[in-house]
Amino acid sequence: MATTRTATTQWQGPLMGGAGTVSLDSSGVGKYDVSWPSRAEAANGKTSPEELIAAAHSSCYSMALSHGLAGAGTPPESVETQANVTFQPGEGITGIVLRVQARVPGLSAEDFAAAAQNAKENCPVSKALAGVNITLEAELLS
């Protein structure tokens, strides 16, 4: 069954001097301030579209890797994924680096690397961002 998730942004003013809020409507977990300086310079307590993409990508990737590992008979004890989304004003999103560390008892480093790569290629957010250069740094913890 398909699901739809919704977020809404209210923006006031021009890009450079304006500001807004983004609310996570489906979950109701929060409303967050956004502005151009928080996107192109320092966050200063506000979020940006790229941070929200990073949150979506890191959570989707962790789920995909966990699912793939469990399906192969080696469920993980833990998976921690950091997504770094780079935004260049005037160009857009220029790259994403996924950094994952996982504890997976009984799994070889080679099999972990293959599972990590497969999750990168097949998580739905990676697929949605197919036009962006996505790199992966994967570490199997002992």
Protein backbone atom coordinates (compact mmCIF):
# COMPACT_ATOMS: atom_id res chain seq x y z
CA MET A 1 0.00 0.00 0.00
CA ALA A 2 1.37 3.42 -0.95
CA THR A 3 1.79 6.16 1.62
CA THR A 4 2.02 9.91 1.20
CA ARG A 5 3.85 12.19 3.60
CA THR A 6 3.32 15.94 3.72
CA ALA A 7 5.34 18.97 4.75
CA THR A 8 4.36 22.61 4.30
CA THR A 9 6.53 25.71 4.06
CA GLN A 10 5.26 29.20 4.75
CA TRP A 11 7.62 31.86 3.30
CA GLN A 12 7.49 35.63 3.74
CA GLY A 13 9.44 38.16 1.68
CA PRO A 14 12.16 37.87 -0.96
CA LEU A 15 14.77 35.13 -1.00
CA MET A 16 17.62 37.15 0.48
CA GLY A 17 15.73 39.01 3.22
CA GLY A 18 12.83 36.67 3.74
CA ALA A 19 12.31 33.75 6.05
CA GLY A 20 9.91 30.94 6.61
CA THR A 21 8.93 27.86 8.51
CA VAL A 22 8.61 24.28 7.38
CA SER A 23 6.20 22.03 9.25
CA LEU A 24 6.29 18.25 9.18
CA ASP A 25 2.56 17.80 8.76
CA SER A 26 2.20 14.02 8.52
CA SER A 27 3.98 13.28 11.76
CA GLY A 28 3.25 16.55 13.52
CA VAL A 29 6.67 16.38 15.18
CA GLY A 30 7.65 19.95 14.53
CA LYS A 31 7.85 23.24 12.76
CA TYR A 32 11.31 24.55 11.84
CA ASP A 33 12.61 27.95 10.76
CA VAL A 34 14.30 28.30 7.35
CA SER A 35 16.09 31.19 5.65
CA TRP A 36 18.57 31.83 2.85
CA PRO A 37 21.48 32.45 5.27
CA SER A 38 20.73 29.14 7.01
CA ARG A 39 20.96 27.45 3.63
CA ALA A 40 23.94 29.20 2.05
CA GLU A 41 25.98 30.22 5.10
CA ALA A 42 25.70 29.10 8.75
CA ALA A 43 22.71 27.21 10.14
CA ASN A 44 22.32 29.50 13.18
CA GLY A 45 19.54 27.37 14.67
CA LYS A 46 17.56 27.07 11.43
CA THR A 47 17.25 24.23 8.96
CA SER A 48 17.54 24.06 5.17
CA PRO A 49 16.21 21.91 2.34
CA GLU A 50 19.61 20.18 2.21
CA GLU A 51 19.52 19.28 5.91
CA LEU A 52 16.05 17.84 5.43
CA ILE A 53 17.32 15.83 2.44
CA ALA A 54 20.24 14.62 4.59
CA ALA A 55 17.78 13.48 7.27
CA ALA A 56 15.67 11.66 4.70
CA HIS A 57 18.67 10.03 3.04
CA SER A 58 20.42 8.88 6.22
CA SER A 59 17.25 7.33 7.63
CA CYS A 60 16.25 5.68 4.33
CA TYR A 61 19.75 4.29 3.82
CA SER A 62 19.90 2.88 7.36
CA MET A 63 16.56 1.15 6.84
CA ALA A 64 17.60 -0.26 3.46
CA LEU A 65 20.91 -1.58 4.80
CA SER A 66 19.25 -3.10 7.88
CA HIS A 67 16.63 -4.77 5.70
CA GLY A 68 19.17 -6.16 3.25
CA LEU A 69 21.40 -7.51 6.01
CA ALA A 70 18.49 -9.15 7.83
CA GLY A 71 17.23 -10.65 4.57
CA ALA A 72 20.67 -12.22 4.03
CA GLY A 73 20.51 -13.84 7.47
CA THR A 74 22.88 -11.37 9.17
CA PRO A 75 20.74 -8.81 10.98
CA PRO A 76 22.72 -5.84 12.29
CA GLU A 77 23.09 -4.98 15.94
CA SER A 78 23.37 -1.32 14.99
CA VAL A 79 23.60 0.95 11.97
CA GLU A 80 24.55 4.62 12.15
CA THR A 81 24.44 6.66 8.97
CA GLN A 82 25.45 10.27 8.45
CA ALA A 83 24.51 12.02 5.21
CA ASN A 84 26.43 15.14 4.21
CA VAL A 85 24.63 17.10 1.50
CA THR A 86 26.70 19.83 -0.17
CA PHE A 87 24.88 22.87 -1.55
CA GLN A 88 26.62 25.40 -3.78
CA PRO A 89 24.66 28.63 -4.34
CA GLY A 90 24.09 29.10 -8.05
CA GLU A 91 24.67 25.40 -8.78
CA GLY A 92 22.47 23.48 -6.34
CA ILE A 93 23.23 20.20 -4.63
CA THR A 94 26.67 19.15 -5.83
CA GLY A 95 27.14 15.91 -3.90
CA ILE A 96 26.17 13.67 -1.03
CA VAL A 97 28.50 11.60 1.14
CA LEU A 98 26.95 8.74 3.09
CA ARG A 99 29.06 7.56 6.05
CA VAL A 100 27.85 4.37 7.68
CA GLN A 101 29.16 2.41 10.62
CA ALA A 102 27.50 -0.87 11.54
CA ARG A 103 27.88 -3.80 13.89
CA VAL A 104 26.93 -7.02 12.16
CA PRO A 105 28.02 -10.18 13.98
CA GLY A 106 29.34 -12.93 11.73
CA LEU A 107 29.60 -10.82 8.57
CA SER A 108 32.84 -10.46 6.60
CA ALA A 109 34.13 -7.03 5.58
CA GLU A 110 33.65 -7.95 1.91
CA ASP A 111 30.04 -8.99 2.40
CA PHE A 112 29.37 -5.84 4.42
CA ALA A 113 30.86 -3.66 1.67
CA ALA A 114 28.62 -5.35 -0.91
CA ALA A 115 25.52 -4.94 1.27
CA ALA A 116 26.38 -1.29 1.95
CA GLN A 117 26.81 -0.57 -1.76
CA ASN A 118 23.56 -2.36 -2.61
CA ALA A 119 21.68 -0.26 -0.04
CA LYS A 120 23.20 2.92 -1.50
CA GLU A 121 22.03 2.01 -4.98
CA ASN A 122 18.57 0.81 -3.99
CA CYS A 123 17.25 2.90 -1.12
CA PRO A 124 14.30 4.94 -2.44
CA VAL A 125 15.88 8.28 -1.52
CA SER A 126 19.10 7.38 -3.38
CA LYS A 127 16.97 6.51 -6.39
CA ALA A 128 15.09 9.82 -6.12
CA LEU A 129 18.44 11.64 -6.05
CA ALA A 130 19.86 9.71 -9.01
CA GLY A 131 21.20 12.85 -10.71
CA VAL A 132 23.42 13.69 -7.72
CA ASN A 133 26.91 12.25 -7.14
CA ILE A 134 26.49 10.03 -4.06
CA THR A 135 29.59 8.53 -2.47
CA LEU A 136 29.71 5.94 0.29
CA GLU A 137 32.12 5.40 3.16
CA ALA A 138 31.22 2.16 4.95
CA GLU A 139 32.85 0.77 8.08
CA LEU A 140 32.09 -2.57 9.70
CA LEU A 141 32.65 -2.26 13.45
CA SER A 142 33.92 -5.20 15.46
